[in-house]
Amino acid sequence: KLENDEALNLPKALALALRAGGEEARARHRGLIAALERLAA
């Protein structure tokens, strides 16, 4: 189901939540966001 985005992809949700913190938060957590997005993919 993850292959079709039909189950909770926790790294994807967490990356979206970190991005929601705005430009400052994205800069502070840039490496972590990139790692989460890689895991989600």
PDB file of all heavy atoms in Angstrom:
ATOM      1  N   LYS A   1       0.821  -1.207   0.000  1.00  0.00           N
ATOM      2  CA  LYS A   1       0.000   0.000   0.000  1.00  0.00           C
ATOM      3  C   LYS A   1       0.858   1.260   0.000  1.00  0.00           C
ATOM      4  O   LYS A   1       0.478   2.288  -0.578  1.00  0.00           O
ATOM      5  CB  LYS A   1      -0.954  -0.007   1.196  1.00  0.00           C
ATOM      6  CG  LYS A   1      -2.090  -1.012   1.029  1.00  0.00           C
ATOM      7  CD  LYS A   1      -3.121  -0.896   2.122  1.00  0.00           C
ATOM      8  CE  LYS A   1      -4.284  -1.829   1.852  1.00  0.00           C
ATOM      9  NZ  LYS A   1      -5.339  -1.750   2.879  1.00  0.00           N
ATOM     10  N   LEU A   2       2.022   1.195   0.634  1.00  0.00           N
ATOM     11  CA  LEU A   2       2.914   2.357   0.610  1.00  0.00           C
ATOM     12  C   LEU A   2       3.322   2.699  -0.819  1.00  0.00           C
ATOM     13  O   LEU A   2       3.475   3.883  -1.159  1.00  0.00           O
ATOM     14  CB  LEU A   2       4.164   2.083   1.449  1.00  0.00           C
ATOM     15  CG  LEU A   2       4.034   2.213   2.971  1.00  0.00           C
ATOM     16  CD1 LEU A   2       5.344   1.814   3.634  1.00  0.00           C
ATOM     17  CD2 LEU A   2       3.648   3.626   3.382  1.00  0.00           C
ATOM     18  N   GLU A   3       3.499   1.689  -1.649  1.00  0.00           N
ATOM     19  CA  GLU A   3       3.901   1.937  -3.032  1.00  0.00           C
ATOM     20  C   GLU A   3       2.884   2.809  -3.758  1.00  0.00           C
ATOM     21  O   GLU A   3       3.238   3.594  -4.639  1.00  0.00           O
ATOM     22  CB  GLU A   3       4.069   0.607  -3.778  1.00  0.00           C
ATOM     23  CG  GLU A   3       5.273  -0.200  -3.333  1.00  0.00           C
ATOM     24  CD  GLU A   3       5.452  -1.460  -4.160  1.00  0.00           C
ATOM     25  OE1 GLU A   3       4.595  -1.718  -5.042  1.00  0.00           O
ATOM     26  OE2 GLU A   3       6.433  -2.176  -3.947  1.00  0.00           O
ATOM     27  N   ASN A   4       1.609   2.656  -3.386  1.00  0.00           N
ATOM     28  CA  ASN A   4       0.534   3.421  -4.028  1.00  0.00           C
ATOM     29  C   ASN A   4       0.045   4.585  -3.170  1.00  0.00           C
ATOM     30  O   ASN A   4      -1.018   5.151  -3.444  1.00  0.00           O
ATOM     31  CB  ASN A   4      -0.631   2.488  -4.349  1.00  0.00           C
ATOM     32  CG  ASN A   4      -0.244   1.378  -5.310  1.00  0.00           C
ATOM     33  OD1 ASN A   4       0.357   1.644  -6.344  1.00  0.00           O
ATOM     34  ND2 ASN A   4      -0.558   0.142  -4.957  1.00  0.00           N
ATOM     35  N   ASP A   5       0.814   4.917  -2.126  1.00  0.00           N
ATOM     36  CA  ASP A   5       0.446   6.009  -1.217  1.00  0.00           C
ATOM     37  C   ASP A   5      -0.923   5.760  -0.582  1.00  0.00           C
ATOM     38  O   ASP A   5      -1.735   6.671  -0.436  1.00  0.00           O
ATOM     39  CB  ASP A   5       0.440   7.349  -1.959  1.00  0.00           C
ATOM     40  CG  ASP A   5       0.987   8.491  -1.097  1.00  0.00           C
ATOM     41  OD1 ASP A   5       1.518   8.197  -0.007  1.00  0.00           O
ATOM     42  OD2 ASP A   5       0.877   9.654  -1.504  1.00  0.00           O
ATOM     43  N   GLU A   6      -1.174   4.515  -0.163  1.00  0.00           N
ATOM     44  CA  GLU A   6      -2.469   4.123   0.390  1.00  0.00           C
ATOM     45  C   GLU A   6      -2.370   3.676   1.848  1.00  0.00           C
ATOM     46  O   GLU A   6      -3.276   3.021   2.366  1.00  0.00           O
ATOM     47  CB  GLU A   6      -3.078   3.002  -0.457  1.00  0.00           C
ATOM     48  CG  GLU A   6      -3.434   3.464  -1.876  1.00  0.00           C
ATOM     49  CD  GLU A   6      -3.929   2.332  -2.752  1.00  0.00           C
ATOM     50  OE1 GLU A   6      -3.704   1.151  -2.374  1.00  0.00           O
ATOM     51  OE2 GLU A   6      -4.534   2.616  -3.806  1.00  0.00           O
ATOM     52  N   ALA A   7      -1.263   3.995   2.503  1.00  0.00           N
ATOM     53  CA  ALA A   7      -1.087   3.729   3.934  1.00  0.00           C
ATOM     54  C   ALA A   7      -0.229   4.863   4.492  1.00  0.00           C
ATOM     55  O   ALA A   7       0.394   5.623   3.733  1.00  0.00           O
ATOM     56  CB  ALA A   7      -0.430   2.370   4.168  1.00  0.00           C
ATOM     57  N   LEU A   8      -0.209   4.992   5.809  1.00  0.00           N
ATOM     58  CA  LEU A   8       0.550   6.081   6.421  1.00  0.00           C
ATOM     59  C   LEU A   8       2.031   5.944   6.110  1.00  0.00           C
ATOM     60  O   LEU A   8       2.679   4.970   6.508  1.00  0.00           O
ATOM     61  CB  LEU A   8       0.340   6.083   7.943  1.00  0.00           C
ATOM     62  CG  LEU A   8       1.265   7.012   8.738  1.00  0.00           C
ATOM     63  CD1 LEU A   8       1.147   8.461   8.265  1.00  0.00           C
ATOM     64  CD2 LEU A   8       0.972   6.907  10.236  1.00  0.00           C
ATOM     65  N   ASN A   9       2.567   6.919   5.402  1.00  0.00           N
ATOM     66  CA  ASN A   9       4.000   7.020   5.143  1.00  0.00           C
ATOM     67  C   ASN A   9       4.535   8.023   6.161  1.00  0.00           C
ATOM     68  O   ASN A   9       4.510   9.239   5.934  1.00  0.00           O
ATOM     69  CB  ASN A   9       4.236   7.501   3.705  1.00  0.00           C
ATOM     70  CG  ASN A   9       5.698   7.450   3.292  1.00  0.00           C
ATOM     71  OD1 ASN A   9       6.585   7.708   4.096  1.00  0.00           O
ATOM     72  ND2 ASN A   9       5.939   7.137   2.026  1.00  0.00           N
ATOM     73  N   LEU A  10       4.990   7.511   7.285  1.00  0.00           N
ATOM     74  CA  LEU A  10       5.353   8.384   8.401  1.00  0.00           C
ATOM     75  C   LEU A  10       6.464   9.375   8.051  1.00  0.00           C
ATOM     76  O   LEU A  10       6.357  10.565   8.397  1.00  0.00           O
ATOM     77  CB  LEU A  10       5.727   7.532   9.619  1.00  0.00           C
ATOM     78  CG  LEU A  10       5.892   8.269  10.943  1.00  0.00           C
ATOM     79  CD1 LEU A  10       4.654   9.072  11.298  1.00  0.00           C
ATOM     80  CD2 LEU A  10       6.208   7.269  12.061  1.00  0.00           C
ATOM     81  N   PRO A  11       7.533   8.978   7.361  1.00  0.00           N
ATOM     82  CA  PRO A  11       8.549   9.982   6.994  1.00  0.00           C
ATOM     83  C   PRO A  11       7.976  11.104   6.136  1.00  0.00           C
ATOM     84  O   PRO A  11       8.344  12.273   6.303  1.00  0.00           O
ATOM     85  CB  PRO A  11       9.587   9.160   6.222  1.00  0.00           C
ATOM     86  CG  PRO A  11       9.449   7.777   6.751  1.00  0.00           C
ATOM     87  CD  PRO A  11       7.976   7.609   7.008  1.00  0.00           C
ATOM     88  N   LYS A  12       7.050  10.780   5.215  1.00  0.00           N
ATOM     89  CA  LYS A  12       6.450  11.817   4.372  1.00  0.00           C
ATOM     90  C   LYS A  12       5.635  12.792   5.215  1.00  0.00           C
ATOM     91  O   LYS A  12       5.740  14.018   5.054  1.00  0.00           O
ATOM     92  CB  LYS A  12       5.559  11.184   3.301  1.00  0.00           C
ATOM     93  CG  LYS A  12       4.892  12.211   2.391  1.00  0.00           C
ATOM     94  CD  LYS A  12       3.973  11.558   1.364  1.00  0.00           C
ATOM     95  CE  LYS A  12       4.758  10.870   0.280  1.00  0.00           C
ATOM     96  NZ  LYS A  12       3.871  10.441  -0.852  1.00  0.00           N
ATOM     97  N   ALA A  13       4.829  12.261   6.136  1.00  0.00           N
ATOM     98  CA  ALA A  13       4.008  13.127   6.989  1.00  0.00           C
ATOM     99  C   ALA A  13       4.884  14.008   7.872  1.00  0.00           C
ATOM    100  O   ALA A  13       4.604  15.203   8.066  1.00  0.00           O
ATOM    101  CB  ALA A  13       3.067  12.281   7.844  1.00  0.00           C
ATOM    102  N   LEU A  14       5.955  13.449   8.406  1.00  0.00           N
ATOM    103  CA  LEU A  14       6.840  14.221   9.275  1.00  0.00           C
ATOM    104  C   LEU A  14       7.577  15.310   8.491  1.00  0.00           C
ATOM    105  O   LEU A  14       7.764  16.435   8.987  1.00  0.00           O
ATOM    106  CB  LEU A  14       7.835  13.287   9.958  1.00  0.00           C
ATOM    107  CG  LEU A  14       7.233  12.328  10.995  1.00  0.00           C
ATOM    108  CD1 LEU A  14       8.259  11.298  11.430  1.00  0.00           C
ATOM    109  CD2 LEU A  14       6.703  13.101  12.199  1.00  0.00           C
ATOM    110  N   ALA A  15       7.983  14.986   7.280  1.00  0.00           N
ATOM    111  CA  ALA A  15       8.656  15.997   6.461  1.00  0.00           C
ATOM    112  C   ALA A  15       7.712  17.151   6.152  1.00  0.00           C
ATOM    113  O   ALA A  15       8.099  18.329   6.213  1.00  0.00           O
ATOM    114  CB  ALA A  15       9.169  15.355   5.172  1.00  0.00           C
ATOM    115  N   LEU A  16       6.464  16.841   5.816  1.00  0.00           N
ATOM    116  CA  LEU A  16       5.475  17.889   5.557  1.00  0.00           C
ATOM    117  C   LEU A  16       5.264  18.745   6.800  1.00  0.00           C
ATOM    118  O   LEU A  16       5.133  19.976   6.709  1.00  0.00           O
ATOM    119  CB  LEU A  16       4.149  17.259   5.128  1.00  0.00           C
ATOM    120  CG  LEU A  16       4.076  16.676   3.715  1.00  0.00           C
ATOM    121  CD1 LEU A  16       2.773  15.900   3.543  1.00  0.00           C
ATOM    122  CD2 LEU A  16       4.178  17.785   2.672  1.00  0.00           C
ATOM    123  N   ALA A  17       5.224  18.102   7.973  1.00  0.00           N
ATOM    124  CA  ALA A  17       5.010  18.847   9.217  1.00  0.00           C
ATOM    125  C   ALA A  17       6.194  19.763   9.516  1.00  0.00           C
ATOM    126  O   ALA A  17       6.017  20.902   9.973  1.00  0.00           O
ATOM    127  CB  ALA A  17       4.775  17.872  10.370  1.00  0.00           C
ATOM    128  N   LEU A  18       7.411  19.293   9.280  1.00  0.00           N
ATOM    129  CA  LEU A  18       8.581  20.139   9.517  1.00  0.00           C
ATOM    130  C   LEU A  18       8.598  21.321   8.552  1.00  0.00           C
ATOM    131  O   LEU A  18       8.954  22.450   8.929  1.00  0.00           O
ATOM    132  CB  LEU A  18       9.860  19.308   9.371  1.00  0.00           C
ATOM    133  CG  LEU A  18      10.174  18.362  10.537  1.00  0.00           C
ATOM    134  CD1 LEU A  18      11.305  17.418  10.156  1.00  0.00           C
ATOM    135  CD2 LEU A  18      10.538  19.149  11.791  1.00  0.00           C
ATOM    136  N   ARG A  19       8.219  21.090   7.311  1.00  0.00           N
ATOM    137  CA  ARG A  19       8.155  22.186   6.340  1.00  0.00           C
ATOM    138  C   ARG A  19       7.124  23.235   6.742  1.00  0.00           C
ATOM    139  O   ARG A  19       7.259  24.424   6.416  1.00  0.00           O
ATOM    140  CB  ARG A  19       7.832  21.642   4.951  1.00  0.00           C
ATOM    141  CG  ARG A  19       8.997  20.937   4.271  1.00  0.00           C
ATOM    142  CD  ARG A  19       8.676  20.590   2.837  1.00  0.00           C
ATOM    143  NE  ARG A  19       9.852  20.091   2.141  1.00  0.00           N
ATOM    144  CZ  ARG A  19      10.809  20.844   1.613  1.00  0.00           C
ATOM    145  NH1 ARG A  19      10.724  22.176   1.722  1.00  0.00           N
ATOM    146  NH2 ARG A  19      11.838  20.320   0.986  1.00  0.00           N
ATOM    147  N   ALA A  20       6.077  22.793   7.459  1.00  0.00           N
ATOM    148  CA  ALA A  20       5.018  23.722   7.864  1.00  0.00           C
ATOM    149  C   ALA A  20       5.500  24.753   8.870  1.00  0.00           C
ATOM    150  O   ALA A  20       4.806  25.738   9.135  1.00  0.00           O
ATOM    151  CB  ALA A  20       3.836  22.942   8.448  1.00  0.00           C
ATOM    152  N   GLY A  21       6.680  24.536   9.433  1.00  0.00           N
ATOM    153  CA  GLY A  21       7.215  25.493  10.405  1.00  0.00           C
ATOM    154  C   GLY A  21       7.710  26.784   9.789  1.00  0.00           C
ATOM    155  O   GLY A  21       8.092  27.706  10.524  1.00  0.00           O
ATOM    156  N   GLY A  22       7.730  26.866   8.465  1.00  0.00           N
ATOM    157  CA  GLY A  22       8.160  28.093   7.808  1.00  0.00           C
ATOM    158  C   GLY A  22       9.621  28.064   7.397  1.00  0.00           C
ATOM    159  O   GLY A  22      10.344  27.076   7.596  1.00  0.00           O
ATOM    160  N   GLU A  23      10.072  29.170   6.822  1.00  0.00           N
ATOM    161  CA  GLU A  23      11.413  29.240   6.248  1.00  0.00           C
ATOM    162  C   GLU A  23      12.501  28.981   7.275  1.00  0.00           C
ATOM    163  O   GLU A  23      13.471  28.258   7.017  1.00  0.00           O
ATOM    164  CB  GLU A  23      11.612  30.617   5.604  1.00  0.00           C
ATOM    165  CG  GLU A  23      12.926  30.756   4.861  1.00  0.00           C
ATOM    166  CD  GLU A  23      13.053  32.096   4.167  1.00  0.00           C
ATOM    167  OE1 GLU A  23      12.025  32.811   4.051  1.00  0.00           O
ATOM    168  OE2 GLU A  23      14.178  32.436   3.753  1.00  0.00           O
ATOM    169  N   GLU A  24      12.341  29.536   8.477  1.00  0.00           N
ATOM    170  CA  GLU A  24      13.368  29.352   9.515  1.00  0.00           C
ATOM    171  C   GLU A  24      13.475  27.884   9.924  1.00  0.00           C
ATOM    172  O   GLU A  24      14.578  27.339  10.049  1.00  0.00           O
ATOM    173  CB  GLU A  24      13.031  30.217  10.722  1.00  0.00           C
ATOM    174  CG  GLU A  24      14.060  30.113  11.840  1.00  0.00           C
ATOM    175  CD  GLU A  24      13.686  30.942  13.060  1.00  0.00           C
ATOM    176  OE1 GLU A  24      12.851  31.868  12.923  1.00  0.00           O
ATOM    177  OE2 GLU A  24      14.227  30.651  14.141  1.00  0.00           O
ATOM    178  N   ALA A  25      12.318  27.243  10.131  1.00  0.00           N
ATOM    179  CA  ALA A  25      12.320  25.833  10.521  1.00  0.00           C
ATOM    180  C   ALA A  25      12.885  24.971   9.399  1.00  0.00           C
ATOM    181  O   ALA A  25      13.637  24.014   9.660  1.00  0.00           O
ATOM    182  CB  ALA A  25      10.899  25.392  10.868  1.00  0.00           C
ATOM    183  N   ARG A  26      12.568  25.300   8.161  1.00  0.00           N
ATOM    184  CA  ARG A  26      13.088  24.507   7.041  1.00  0.00           C
ATOM    185  C   ARG A  26      14.608  24.627   6.967  1.00  0.00           C
ATOM    186  O   ARG A  26      15.306  23.652   6.671  1.00  0.00           O
ATOM    187  CB  ARG A  26      12.441  24.959   5.731  1.00  0.00           C
ATOM    188  CG  ARG A  26      10.983  24.545   5.617  1.00  0.00           C
ATOM    189  CD  ARG A  26      10.480  24.665   4.185  1.00  0.00           C
ATOM    190  NE  ARG A  26      10.474  26.043   3.702  1.00  0.00           N
ATOM    191  CZ  ARG A  26       9.462  26.885   3.875  1.00  0.00           C
ATOM    192  NH1 ARG A  26       8.367  26.488   4.530  1.00  0.00           N
ATOM    193  NH2 ARG A  26       9.522  28.113   3.393  1.00  0.00           N
ATOM    194  N   ALA A  27      15.112  25.826   7.245  1.00  0.00           N
ATOM    195  CA  ALA A  27      16.564  26.002   7.223  1.00  0.00           C
ATOM    196  C   ALA A  27      17.222  25.223   8.366  1.00  0.00           C
ATOM    197  O   ALA A  27      18.268  24.587   8.182  1.00  0.00           O
ATOM    198  CB  ALA A  27      16.902  27.496   7.328  1.00  0.00           C
ATOM    199  N   ARG A  28      16.610  25.275   9.530  1.00  0.00           N
ATOM    200  CA  ARG A  28      17.170  24.594  10.712  1.00  0.00           C
ATOM    201  C   ARG A  28      17.167  23.077  10.554  1.00  0.00           C
ATOM    202  O   ARG A  28      18.076  22.387  11.030  1.00  0.00           O
ATOM    203  CB  ARG A  28      16.375  25.016  11.953  1.00  0.00           C
ATOM    204  CG  ARG A  28      16.981  24.488  13.258  1.00  0.00           C
ATOM    205  CD  ARG A  28      16.381  25.177  14.471  1.00  0.00           C
ATOM    206  NE  ARG A  28      14.956  24.916  14.632  1.00  0.00           N
ATOM    207  CZ  ARG A  28      13.987  25.772  14.404  1.00  0.00           C
ATOM    208  NH1 ARG A  28      14.276  26.997  13.967  1.00  0.00           N
ATOM    209  NH2 ARG A  28      12.718  25.451  14.589  1.00  0.00           N
ATOM    210  N   HIS A  29      16.153  22.561   9.874  1.00  0.00           N
ATOM    211  CA  HIS A  29      16.011  21.100   9.772  1.00  0.00           C
ATOM    212  C   HIS A  29      16.213  20.612   8.339  1.00  0.00           C
ATOM    213  O   HIS A  29      15.701  19.557   7.965  1.00  0.00           O
ATOM    214  CB  HIS A  29      14.618  20.693  10.259  1.00  0.00           C
ATOM    215  CG  HIS A  29      14.315  21.081  11.674  1.00  0.00           C
ATOM    216  ND1 HIS A  29      15.056  20.633  12.744  1.00  0.00           N
ATOM    217  CD2 HIS A  29      13.347  21.895  12.197  1.00  0.00           C
ATOM    218  CE1 HIS A  29      14.561  21.142  13.867  1.00  0.00           C
ATOM    219  NE2 HIS A  29      13.538  21.910  13.566  1.00  0.00           N
ATOM    220  N   ARG A  30      16.980  21.369   7.553  1.00  0.00           N
ATOM    221  CA  ARG A  30      17.136  21.033   6.143  1.00  0.00           C
ATOM    222  C   ARG A  30      17.620  19.598   5.945  1.00  0.00           C
ATOM    223  O   ARG A  30      17.083  18.842   5.126  1.00  0.00           O
ATOM    224  CB  ARG A  30      18.109  22.010   5.479  1.00  0.00           C
ATOM    225  CG  ARG A  30      18.291  21.753   3.975  1.00  0.00           C
ATOM    226  CD  ARG A  30      19.189  22.804   3.319  1.00  0.00           C
ATOM    227  NE  ARG A  30      18.537  24.098   3.263  1.00  0.00           N
ATOM    228  CZ  ARG A  30      18.880  25.147   3.999  1.00  0.00           C
ATOM    229  NH1 ARG A  30      19.880  25.043   4.876  1.00  0.00           N
ATOM    230  NH2 ARG A  30      18.252  26.294   3.892  1.00  0.00           N
ATOM    231  N   GLY A  31      18.644  19.208   6.680  1.00  0.00           N
ATOM    232  CA  GLY A  31      19.185  17.858   6.527  1.00  0.00           C
ATOM    233  C   GLY A  31      18.195  16.781   6.925  1.00  0.00           C
ATOM    234  O   GLY A  31      18.070  15.749   6.251  1.00  0.00           O
ATOM    235  N   LEU A  32      17.473  17.022   8.011  1.00  0.00           N
ATOM    236  CA  LEU A  32      16.501  16.038   8.482  1.00  0.00           C
ATOM    237  C   LEU A  32      15.342  15.916   7.493  1.00  0.00           C
ATOM    238  O   LEU A  32      14.880  14.800   7.189  1.00  0.00           O
ATOM    239  CB  LEU A  32      15.981  16.448   9.861  1.00  0.00           C
ATOM    240  CG  LEU A  32      14.924  15.549  10.506  1.00  0.00           C
ATOM    241  CD1 LEU A  32      15.412  14.110  10.619  1.00  0.00           C
ATOM    242  CD2 LEU A  32      14.532  16.084  11.885  1.00  0.00           C
ATOM    243  N   ILE A  33      14.873  17.044   6.965  1.00  0.00           N
ATOM    244  CA  ILE A  33      13.784  17.007   5.989  1.00  0.00           C
ATOM    245  C   ILE A  33      14.213  16.228   4.752  1.00  0.00           C
ATOM    246  O   ILE A  33      13.458  15.397   4.223  1.00  0.00           O
ATOM    247  CB  ILE A  33      13.346  18.439   5.618  1.00  0.00           C
ATOM    248  CG1 ILE A  33      12.670  19.114   6.816  1.00  0.00           C
ATOM    249  CG2 ILE A  33      12.401  18.421   4.421  1.00  0.00           C
ATOM    250  CD1 ILE A  33      12.378  20.594   6.609  1.00  0.00           C
ATOM    251  N   ALA A  34      15.435  16.469   4.294  1.00  0.00           N
ATOM    252  CA  ALA A  34      15.933  15.755   3.115  1.00  0.00           C
ATOM    253  C   ALA A  34      16.006  14.253   3.382  1.00  0.00           C
ATOM    254  O   ALA A  34      15.646  13.436   2.516  1.00  0.00           O
ATOM    255  CB  ALA A  34      17.305  16.300   2.723  1.00  0.00           C
ATOM    256  N   ALA A  35      16.464  13.874   4.579  1.00  0.00           N
ATOM    257  CA  ALA A  35      16.555  12.447   4.918  1.00  0.00           C
ATOM    258  C   ALA A  35      15.173  11.810   4.968  1.00  0.00           C
ATOM    259  O   ALA A  35      14.972  10.686   4.483  1.00  0.00           O
ATOM    260  CB  ALA A  35      17.265  12.287   6.262  1.00  0.00           C
ATOM    261  N   LEU A  36      14.205  12.521   5.544  1.00  0.00           N
ATOM    262  CA  LEU A  36      12.841  11.995   5.622  1.00  0.00           C
ATOM    263  C   LEU A  36      12.226  11.846   4.231  1.00  0.00           C
ATOM    264  O   LEU A  36      11.554  10.845   3.945  1.00  0.00           O
ATOM    265  CB  LEU A  36      11.973  12.914   6.487  1.00  0.00           C
ATOM    266  CG  LEU A  36      12.287  12.945   7.978  1.00  0.00           C
ATOM    267  CD1 LEU A  36      11.566  14.113   8.652  1.00  0.00           C
ATOM    268  CD2 LEU A  36      11.899  11.629   8.647  1.00  0.00           C
ATOM    269  N   GLU A  37      12.456  12.828   3.376  1.00  0.00           N
ATOM    270  CA  GLU A  37      11.900  12.754   2.024  1.00  0.00           C
ATOM    271  C   GLU A  37      12.542  11.615   1.236  1.00  0.00           C
ATOM    272  O   GLU A  37      11.881  10.950   0.427  1.00  0.00           O
ATOM    273  CB  GLU A  37      12.067  14.093   1.322  1.00  0.00           C
ATOM    274  CG  GLU A  37      11.162  15.168   1.926  1.00  0.00           C
ATOM    275  CD  GLU A  37      11.364  16.541   1.329  1.00  0.00           C
ATOM    276  OE1 GLU A  37      12.436  16.774   0.720  1.00  0.00           O
ATOM    277  OE2 GLU A  37      10.464  17.387   1.483  1.00  0.00           O
ATOM    278  N   ARG A  38      13.828  11.378   1.483  1.00  0.00           N
ATOM    279  CA  ARG A  38      14.477  10.224   0.843  1.00  0.00           C
ATOM    280  C   ARG A  38      13.859   8.915   1.326  1.00  0.00           C
ATOM    281  O   ARG A  38      13.551   8.025   0.528  1.00  0.00           O
ATOM    282  CB  ARG A  38      15.985  10.241   1.145  1.00  0.00           C
ATOM    283  CG  ARG A  38      16.697   8.958   0.690  1.00  0.00           C
ATOM    284  CD  ARG A  38      18.176   8.985   1.041  1.00  0.00           C
ATOM    285  NE  ARG A  38      18.433   9.217   2.444  1.00  0.00           N
ATOM    286  CZ  ARG A  38      18.332   8.281   3.392  1.00  0.00           C
ATOM    287  NH1 ARG A  38      17.931   7.050   3.086  1.00  0.00           N
ATOM    288  NH2 ARG A  38      18.614   8.573   4.647  1.00  0.00           N
ATOM    289  N   LEU A  39      13.645   8.820   2.642  1.00  0.00           N
ATOM    290  CA  LEU A  39      13.031   7.606   3.198  1.00  0.00           C
ATOM    291  C   LEU A  39      11.626   7.407   2.647  1.00  0.00           C
ATOM    292  O   LEU A  39      11.229   6.282   2.301  1.00  0.00           O
ATOM    293  CB  LEU A  39      12.986   7.703   4.725  1.00  0.00           C
ATOM    294  CG  LEU A  39      14.310   7.588   5.475  1.00  0.00           C
ATOM    295  CD1 LEU A  39      14.101   7.912   6.950  1.00  0.00           C
ATOM    296  CD2 LEU A  39      14.896   6.190   5.318  1.00  0.00           C
ATOM    297  N   ALA A  40      10.861   8.496   2.573  1.00  0.00           N
ATOM    298  CA  ALA A  40       9.494   8.401   2.059  1.00  0.00           C
ATOM    299  C   ALA A  40       9.495   7.881   0.630  1.00  0.00           C
ATOM    300  O   ALA A  40       8.667   7.041   0.254  1.00  0.00           O
ATOM    301  CB  ALA A  40       8.814   9.768   2.132  1.00  0.00           C
ATOM    302  N   ALA A  41      10.437   8.375  -0.176  1.00  0.00           N
ATOM    303  CA  ALA A  41      10.522   7.924  -1.568  1.00  0.00           C
ATOM    304  C   ALA A  41      10.934   6.457  -1.643  1.00  0.00           C
ATOM    305  O   ALA A  41      10.402   5.686  -2.464  1.00  0.00           O
ATOM    306  CB  ALA A  41      11.512   8.798  -2.336  1.00  0.00           C
TER     307      ALA A  41
END
